[in-house]
């Protein structure tokens, strides 16, 4: 049996296909789903979604949201998503390095809001870089 997976952002459907296996970046850690999985609703962290439609794994950078698993259908509602194949790895690496530098700069400061923004930027940049095939 296969899983039907939909990844939906506010303005588009990023993925709508059948897969053999999926790994979700849940807020409690990586969550693997195979056909016949029990019903589940989980919050998703900013991270990399991995799907296996055949023998090869595909990656999608997710910007946080929710996933619902029921009757071999997985609906993923996220704030933003980007297929790993569509991400320029060199640009993603540069963004990741800039985000790291910014986070290191603000960590010693007193502005809590700036720290939170830098951490969020870092998570997003890391997810995009990893989805493009880069390793952290």
N, C-alpha and C. Protein backbone atom coordinates (compact mmCIF):
# COMPACT_ATOMS: atom_id res chain seq x y z
N UNK A 1 0.84 -1.19 0.00
CA UNK A 1 0.00 0.00 0.00
C UNK A 1 0.87 1.24 0.00
N UNK A 2 0.30 2.32 -0.46
CA UNK A 2 1.03 3.58 -0.51
C UNK A 2 0.30 4.65 0.30
N UNK A 3 1.01 5.73 0.53
CA UNK A 3 0.46 6.87 1.24
C UNK A 3 0.18 8.00 0.26
N UNK A 4 -0.92 8.66 0.43
CA UNK A 4 -1.24 9.84 -0.36
C UNK A 4 -0.83 11.07 0.46
N UNK A 5 0.09 11.88 -0.08
CA UNK A 5 0.64 13.01 0.67
C UNK A 5 0.35 14.32 -0.05
N UNK A 6 -0.17 15.28 0.72
CA UNK A 6 -0.38 16.64 0.21
C UNK A 6 0.33 17.61 1.14
N UNK A 7 1.17 18.47 0.57
CA UNK A 7 1.82 19.54 1.31
C UNK A 7 1.22 20.85 0.80
N UNK A 8 0.52 21.55 1.69
CA UNK A 8 -0.23 22.73 1.29
C UNK A 8 0.24 23.95 2.08
N UNK A 9 0.55 25.03 1.35
CA UNK A 9 0.88 26.31 1.96
C UNK A 9 -0.32 27.24 1.76
N UNK A 10 -0.31 28.43 2.35
CA UNK A 10 -1.45 29.33 2.15
C UNK A 10 -1.73 29.69 0.69
N UNK A 11 -0.70 29.63 -0.18
CA UNK A 11 -0.91 30.07 -1.55
C UNK A 11 -0.72 29.00 -2.63
N UNK A 12 -0.32 27.77 -2.24
CA UNK A 12 -0.14 26.74 -3.27
C UNK A 12 -0.05 25.34 -2.66
N UNK A 13 -0.21 24.35 -3.51
CA UNK A 13 0.04 22.97 -3.12
C UNK A 13 1.43 22.63 -3.64
N UNK A 14 2.36 22.33 -2.73
CA UNK A 14 3.75 22.09 -3.09
C UNK A 14 3.98 20.63 -3.50
N UNK A 15 3.24 19.70 -2.88
CA UNK A 15 3.39 18.28 -3.19
C UNK A 15 2.03 17.63 -3.11
N UNK A 16 1.69 16.84 -4.10
CA UNK A 16 0.45 16.07 -4.11
C UNK A 16 0.73 14.79 -4.90
N UNK A 17 1.15 13.76 -4.19
CA UNK A 17 1.56 12.53 -4.87
C UNK A 17 1.51 11.36 -3.89
N UNK A 18 1.73 10.18 -4.41
CA UNK A 18 1.74 8.97 -3.60
C UNK A 18 3.19 8.61 -3.27
N UNK A 19 3.41 8.17 -2.04
CA UNK A 19 4.76 7.80 -1.61
C UNK A 19 4.71 6.47 -0.84
N UNK A 20 5.87 5.87 -0.72
CA UNK A 20 6.00 4.63 0.05
C UNK A 20 6.22 4.91 1.53
N UNK A 21 6.90 6.02 1.81
CA UNK A 21 7.33 6.33 3.17
C UNK A 21 7.54 7.82 3.30
N UNK A 22 7.39 8.34 4.52
CA UNK A 22 7.57 9.77 4.77
C UNK A 22 8.20 9.96 6.15
N UNK A 23 9.05 10.96 6.26
CA UNK A 23 9.63 11.31 7.56
C UNK A 23 9.32 12.78 7.81
N UNK A 24 8.56 13.03 8.87
CA UNK A 24 8.11 14.38 9.22
C UNK A 24 9.01 14.99 10.29
N UNK A 25 9.27 16.30 10.21
CA UNK A 25 10.02 16.99 11.26
C UNK A 25 9.07 17.48 12.36
N UNK A 26 8.59 16.57 13.19
CA UNK A 26 7.63 16.96 14.22
C UNK A 26 8.34 17.73 15.34
N UNK A 27 7.57 18.40 16.15
CA UNK A 27 8.16 19.19 17.24
C UNK A 27 8.78 18.30 18.32
N UNK A 28 8.47 17.01 18.29
CA UNK A 28 9.06 16.08 19.27
C UNK A 28 10.16 15.22 18.66
N UNK A 29 10.53 15.50 17.41
CA UNK A 29 11.58 14.75 16.74
C UNK A 29 11.10 14.21 15.41
N UNK A 30 11.98 13.51 14.72
CA UNK A 30 11.65 12.92 13.42
C UNK A 30 10.60 11.84 13.60
N UNK A 31 9.60 11.83 12.71
CA UNK A 31 8.49 10.90 12.81
C UNK A 31 8.31 10.18 11.48
N UNK A 32 8.57 8.89 11.46
CA UNK A 32 8.42 8.09 10.25
C UNK A 32 7.01 7.55 10.13
N UNK A 33 6.47 7.62 8.91
CA UNK A 33 5.11 7.14 8.65
C UNK A 33 5.15 6.15 7.49
N UNK A 34 4.56 4.98 7.70
CA UNK A 34 4.37 3.98 6.66
C UNK A 34 2.87 3.74 6.50
N UNK A 35 2.48 3.03 5.45
CA UNK A 35 1.06 2.76 5.26
C UNK A 35 0.52 1.96 6.45
N UNK A 36 -0.73 2.20 6.77
CA UNK A 36 -1.36 1.53 7.90
C UNK A 36 -1.10 2.21 9.24
N UNK A 37 -0.49 3.38 9.23
CA UNK A 37 -0.18 4.11 10.47
C UNK A 37 -1.48 4.50 11.18
N UNK A 38 -1.42 4.52 12.48
CA UNK A 38 -2.57 4.94 13.29
C UNK A 38 -2.87 6.42 13.03
N UNK A 39 -4.13 6.84 13.18
CA UNK A 39 -4.46 8.26 13.02
C UNK A 39 -3.62 9.12 13.95
N UNK A 40 -3.22 10.29 13.45
CA UNK A 40 -2.30 11.13 14.19
C UNK A 40 -2.46 12.58 13.75
N UNK A 41 -2.33 13.49 14.69
CA UNK A 41 -2.26 14.92 14.42
C UNK A 41 -1.04 15.42 15.16
N UNK A 42 -0.12 16.07 14.45
CA UNK A 42 1.11 16.53 15.09
C UNK A 42 1.52 17.91 14.59
N UNK A 43 2.16 18.66 15.47
CA UNK A 43 2.73 19.95 15.10
C UNK A 43 4.08 19.68 14.42
N UNK A 44 4.40 20.51 13.43
CA UNK A 44 5.65 20.35 12.70
C UNK A 44 6.59 21.52 13.00
N UNK A 45 7.85 21.18 13.13
CA UNK A 45 8.92 22.16 13.35
C UNK A 45 9.40 22.66 12.00
N UNK A 46 10.09 23.78 11.99
CA UNK A 46 10.80 24.19 10.78
C UNK A 46 11.86 23.13 10.56
N UNK A 47 11.86 22.51 9.39
CA UNK A 47 12.81 21.43 9.13
C UNK A 47 12.60 20.82 7.76
N UNK A 48 13.14 19.64 7.58
CA UNK A 48 13.11 18.97 6.28
C UNK A 48 12.16 17.77 6.32
N UNK A 49 11.22 17.77 5.41
CA UNK A 49 10.32 16.64 5.19
C UNK A 49 10.98 15.76 4.15
N UNK A 50 11.00 14.47 4.40
CA UNK A 50 11.56 13.52 3.44
C UNK A 50 10.45 12.58 2.99
N UNK A 51 10.31 12.44 1.66
CA UNK A 51 9.32 11.53 1.10
C UNK A 51 10.03 10.58 0.14
N UNK A 52 9.52 9.37 0.07
CA UNK A 52 10.10 8.37 -0.83
C UNK A 52 9.00 7.84 -1.75
N UNK A 53 8.86 8.49 -2.93
CA UNK A 53 7.85 8.04 -3.87
C UNK A 53 8.24 6.75 -4.59
N UNK A 54 9.51 6.45 -4.66
CA UNK A 54 10.02 5.23 -5.31
C UNK A 54 11.23 4.76 -4.54
N UNK A 55 12.35 4.64 -5.24
CA UNK A 55 13.59 4.23 -4.57
C UNK A 55 14.38 5.42 -4.05
N UNK A 56 14.17 6.58 -4.63
CA UNK A 56 14.91 7.79 -4.26
C UNK A 56 14.12 8.64 -3.28
N UNK A 57 14.82 9.23 -2.32
CA UNK A 57 14.20 10.15 -1.37
C UNK A 57 14.15 11.54 -1.97
N UNK A 58 13.08 12.26 -1.72
CA UNK A 58 12.92 13.67 -2.10
C UNK A 58 12.81 14.47 -0.82
N UNK A 59 13.28 15.72 -0.85
CA UNK A 59 13.23 16.57 0.33
C UNK A 59 12.40 17.82 0.06
N UNK A 60 11.77 18.29 1.12
CA UNK A 60 10.98 19.52 1.06
C UNK A 60 11.28 20.30 2.34
N UNK A 61 11.69 21.54 2.19
CA UNK A 61 11.92 22.40 3.35
C UNK A 61 10.56 22.91 3.83
N UNK A 62 10.26 22.66 5.11
CA UNK A 62 8.99 23.10 5.70
C UNK A 62 9.24 24.22 6.69
N UNK A 63 8.34 25.18 6.73
CA UNK A 63 8.47 26.31 7.64
C UNK A 63 7.48 26.26 8.79
N UNK A 64 7.27 25.07 9.31
CA UNK A 64 6.39 24.88 10.47
C UNK A 64 4.93 24.77 10.09
N UNK A 65 4.19 23.99 10.86
CA UNK A 65 2.77 23.81 10.59
C UNK A 65 2.23 22.59 11.31
N UNK A 66 1.33 21.86 10.63
CA UNK A 66 0.70 20.69 11.21
C UNK A 66 0.57 19.59 10.18
N UNK A 67 0.51 18.35 10.66
CA UNK A 67 0.28 17.21 9.78
C UNK A 67 -0.81 16.33 10.39
N UNK A 68 -1.67 15.82 9.52
CA UNK A 68 -2.72 14.90 9.93
C UNK A 68 -2.56 13.60 9.14
N UNK A 69 -2.53 12.50 9.85
CA UNK A 69 -2.43 11.18 9.23
C UNK A 69 -3.73 10.44 9.52
N UNK A 70 -4.38 9.96 8.45
CA UNK A 70 -5.61 9.20 8.63
C UNK A 70 -5.91 8.40 7.36
N UNK A 71 -6.14 7.12 7.51
CA UNK A 71 -6.48 6.23 6.39
C UNK A 71 -5.50 6.34 5.23
N UNK A 72 -4.21 6.27 5.52
CA UNK A 72 -3.14 6.33 4.52
C UNK A 72 -3.12 7.64 3.73
N UNK A 73 -3.71 8.68 4.29
CA UNK A 73 -3.65 10.03 3.71
C UNK A 73 -2.95 10.94 4.71
N UNK A 74 -2.00 11.71 4.21
CA UNK A 74 -1.29 12.66 5.06
C UNK A 74 -1.49 14.04 4.48
N UNK A 75 -2.11 14.90 5.27
CA UNK A 75 -2.30 16.29 4.89
C UNK A 75 -1.35 17.13 5.73
N UNK A 76 -0.50 17.89 5.06
CA UNK A 76 0.49 18.71 5.73
C UNK A 76 0.19 20.17 5.41
N UNK A 77 -0.20 20.91 6.43
CA UNK A 77 -0.52 22.33 6.28
C UNK A 77 0.61 23.14 6.92
N UNK A 78 1.30 23.93 6.11
CA UNK A 78 2.48 24.64 6.59
C UNK A 78 2.46 26.11 6.18
N UNK A 79 3.24 26.90 6.90
CA UNK A 79 3.36 28.33 6.60
C UNK A 79 4.09 28.58 5.29
N UNK A 80 5.02 27.70 4.95
CA UNK A 80 5.78 27.79 3.71
C UNK A 80 6.47 26.48 3.45
N UNK A 81 6.75 26.20 2.17
CA UNK A 81 7.45 24.96 1.80
C UNK A 81 8.13 25.18 0.46
N UNK A 82 9.23 24.45 0.28
CA UNK A 82 9.99 24.55 -0.96
C UNK A 82 10.62 23.20 -1.27
N UNK A 83 10.43 22.72 -2.49
CA UNK A 83 11.03 21.45 -2.90
C UNK A 83 12.55 21.59 -2.90
N UNK A 84 13.22 20.60 -2.35
CA UNK A 84 14.68 20.63 -2.30
C UNK A 84 15.32 20.76 -3.67
N UNK A 85 14.71 20.14 -4.69
CA UNK A 85 15.24 20.21 -6.05
C UNK A 85 15.21 21.63 -6.62
N UNK A 86 14.35 22.49 -6.07
CA UNK A 86 14.22 23.86 -6.56
C UNK A 86 15.09 24.86 -5.82
N UNK A 87 15.85 24.40 -4.84
CA UNK A 87 16.67 25.30 -4.03
C UNK A 87 18.11 25.31 -4.55
N UNK A 88 18.64 26.48 -4.79
CA UNK A 88 20.03 26.64 -5.21
C UNK A 88 20.91 26.37 -3.99
N UNK A 89 21.71 25.30 -4.03
CA UNK A 89 22.49 24.91 -2.86
C UNK A 89 23.53 25.95 -2.45
N UNK A 90 24.18 26.60 -3.41
CA UNK A 90 25.18 27.62 -3.07
C UNK A 90 24.53 28.81 -2.38
N UNK A 91 23.38 29.25 -2.89
CA UNK A 91 22.66 30.35 -2.27
C UNK A 91 22.17 29.96 -0.87
N UNK A 92 21.68 28.73 -0.74
CA UNK A 92 21.20 28.25 0.56
C UNK A 92 22.36 28.16 1.56
N UNK A 93 23.53 27.73 1.11
CA UNK A 93 24.71 27.65 1.99
C UNK A 93 25.09 29.06 2.47
N UNK A 94 25.06 30.01 1.56
CA UNK A 94 25.39 31.39 1.91
C UNK A 94 24.40 31.96 2.94
N UNK A 95 23.11 31.72 2.72
CA UNK A 95 22.09 32.18 3.66
C UNK A 95 22.29 31.54 5.03
N UNK A 96 22.63 30.25 5.04
CA UNK A 96 22.86 29.53 6.28
C UNK A 96 24.05 30.12 7.04
N UNK A 97 25.12 30.38 6.34
CA UNK A 97 26.31 30.95 6.97
C UNK A 97 26.03 32.34 7.52
N UNK A 98 25.27 33.15 6.77
CA UNK A 98 24.90 34.48 7.25
C UNK A 98 24.01 34.39 8.48
N UNK A 99 23.09 33.45 8.49
CA UNK A 99 22.20 33.27 9.65
C UNK A 99 23.00 32.84 10.87
N UNK A 100 24.00 31.97 10.68
CA UNK A 100 24.86 31.53 11.78
C UNK A 100 25.60 32.73 12.37
N UNK A 101 26.17 33.56 11.50
CA UNK A 101 26.92 34.74 11.94
C UNK A 101 26.02 35.69 12.70
N UNK A 102 24.82 35.93 12.19
CA UNK A 102 23.89 36.84 12.87
C UNK A 102 23.51 36.29 14.24
N UNK A 103 23.25 34.99 14.33
CA UNK A 103 22.87 34.39 15.60
C UNK A 103 24.01 34.51 16.61
N UNK A 104 25.23 34.27 16.19
CA UNK A 104 26.38 34.40 17.10
C UNK A 104 26.55 35.84 17.56
N UNK A 105 26.24 36.79 16.70
CA UNK A 105 26.37 38.20 17.03
C UNK A 105 25.36 38.64 18.09
N UNK A 106 24.12 38.18 17.97
CA UNK A 106 23.07 38.64 18.88
C UNK A 106 22.95 37.80 20.15
N UNK A 107 23.59 36.64 20.21
CA UNK A 107 23.45 35.78 21.39
C UNK A 107 23.91 36.44 22.68
N UNK A 108 24.89 37.28 22.61
CA UNK A 108 25.41 37.93 23.81
C UNK A 108 24.71 39.24 24.15
N UNK A 109 23.78 39.65 23.30
CA UNK A 109 23.06 40.90 23.53
C UNK A 109 21.91 40.73 24.49
N UNK A 110 21.24 41.85 24.77
CA UNK A 110 20.13 41.85 25.72
C UNK A 110 18.76 41.83 25.03
N UNK A 111 18.73 42.03 23.72
CA UNK A 111 17.46 42.12 23.00
C UNK A 111 16.90 40.72 22.74
N UNK A 112 15.93 40.32 23.54
CA UNK A 112 15.35 38.98 23.44
C UNK A 112 14.63 38.77 22.11
N UNK A 113 13.93 39.80 21.64
CA UNK A 113 13.20 39.72 20.37
C UNK A 113 14.18 39.48 19.21
N UNK A 114 15.30 40.14 19.22
CA UNK A 114 16.30 39.97 18.18
C UNK A 114 16.88 38.55 18.20
N UNK A 115 17.07 37.99 19.39
CA UNK A 115 17.57 36.61 19.52
C UNK A 115 16.58 35.62 18.92
N UNK A 116 15.30 35.80 19.22
CA UNK A 116 14.27 34.91 18.70
C UNK A 116 14.21 34.98 17.18
N UNK A 117 14.28 36.19 16.63
CA UNK A 117 14.27 36.35 15.18
C UNK A 117 15.49 35.70 14.54
N UNK A 118 16.65 35.84 15.16
CA UNK A 118 17.87 35.24 14.63
C UNK A 118 17.79 33.72 14.69
N UNK A 119 17.23 33.17 15.76
CA UNK A 119 17.07 31.72 15.87
C UNK A 119 16.13 31.19 14.80
N UNK A 120 15.01 31.90 14.56
CA UNK A 120 14.06 31.49 13.53
C UNK A 120 14.68 31.56 12.14
N UNK A 121 15.43 32.61 11.88
CA UNK A 121 16.12 32.74 10.59
C UNK A 121 17.11 31.60 10.40
N UNK A 122 17.79 31.24 11.47
CA UNK A 122 18.76 30.15 11.42
C UNK A 122 18.08 28.82 11.10
N UNK A 123 16.94 28.54 11.76
CA UNK A 123 16.22 27.30 11.51
C UNK A 123 15.76 27.21 10.05
N UNK A 124 15.24 28.31 9.53
CA UNK A 124 14.76 28.34 8.14
C UNK A 124 15.91 28.15 7.16
N UNK A 125 17.01 28.85 7.40
CA UNK A 125 18.16 28.73 6.51
C UNK A 125 18.74 27.32 6.55
N UNK A 126 18.80 26.72 7.75
CA UNK A 126 19.31 25.36 7.88
C UNK A 126 18.40 24.37 7.14
N UNK A 127 17.09 24.53 7.26
CA UNK A 127 16.15 23.64 6.59
C UNK A 127 16.30 23.73 5.07
N UNK A 128 16.42 24.95 4.55
CA UNK A 128 16.58 25.13 3.10
C UNK A 128 17.89 24.50 2.62
N UNK A 129 18.97 24.71 3.38
CA UNK A 129 20.28 24.18 3.00
C UNK A 129 20.26 22.65 3.03
N UNK A 130 19.69 22.07 4.08
CA UNK A 130 19.61 20.61 4.16
C UNK A 130 18.73 20.03 3.06
N UNK A 131 17.61 20.69 2.77
CA UNK A 131 16.72 20.20 1.72
C UNK A 131 17.39 20.26 0.34
N UNK A 132 18.30 21.20 0.16
CA UNK A 132 19.00 21.32 -1.12
C UNK A 132 20.07 20.24 -1.29
N UNK A 133 20.35 19.49 -0.22
CA UNK A 133 21.35 18.44 -0.27
C UNK A 133 22.59 18.74 0.53
N UNK A 134 22.63 19.90 1.17
CA UNK A 134 23.78 20.28 1.99
C UNK A 134 23.74 19.58 3.33
N UNK A 135 24.90 19.41 3.92
CA UNK A 135 24.98 18.79 5.24
C UNK A 135 25.44 19.82 6.26
N UNK A 136 24.85 19.73 7.44
CA UNK A 136 25.16 20.67 8.53
C UNK A 136 25.94 19.94 9.59
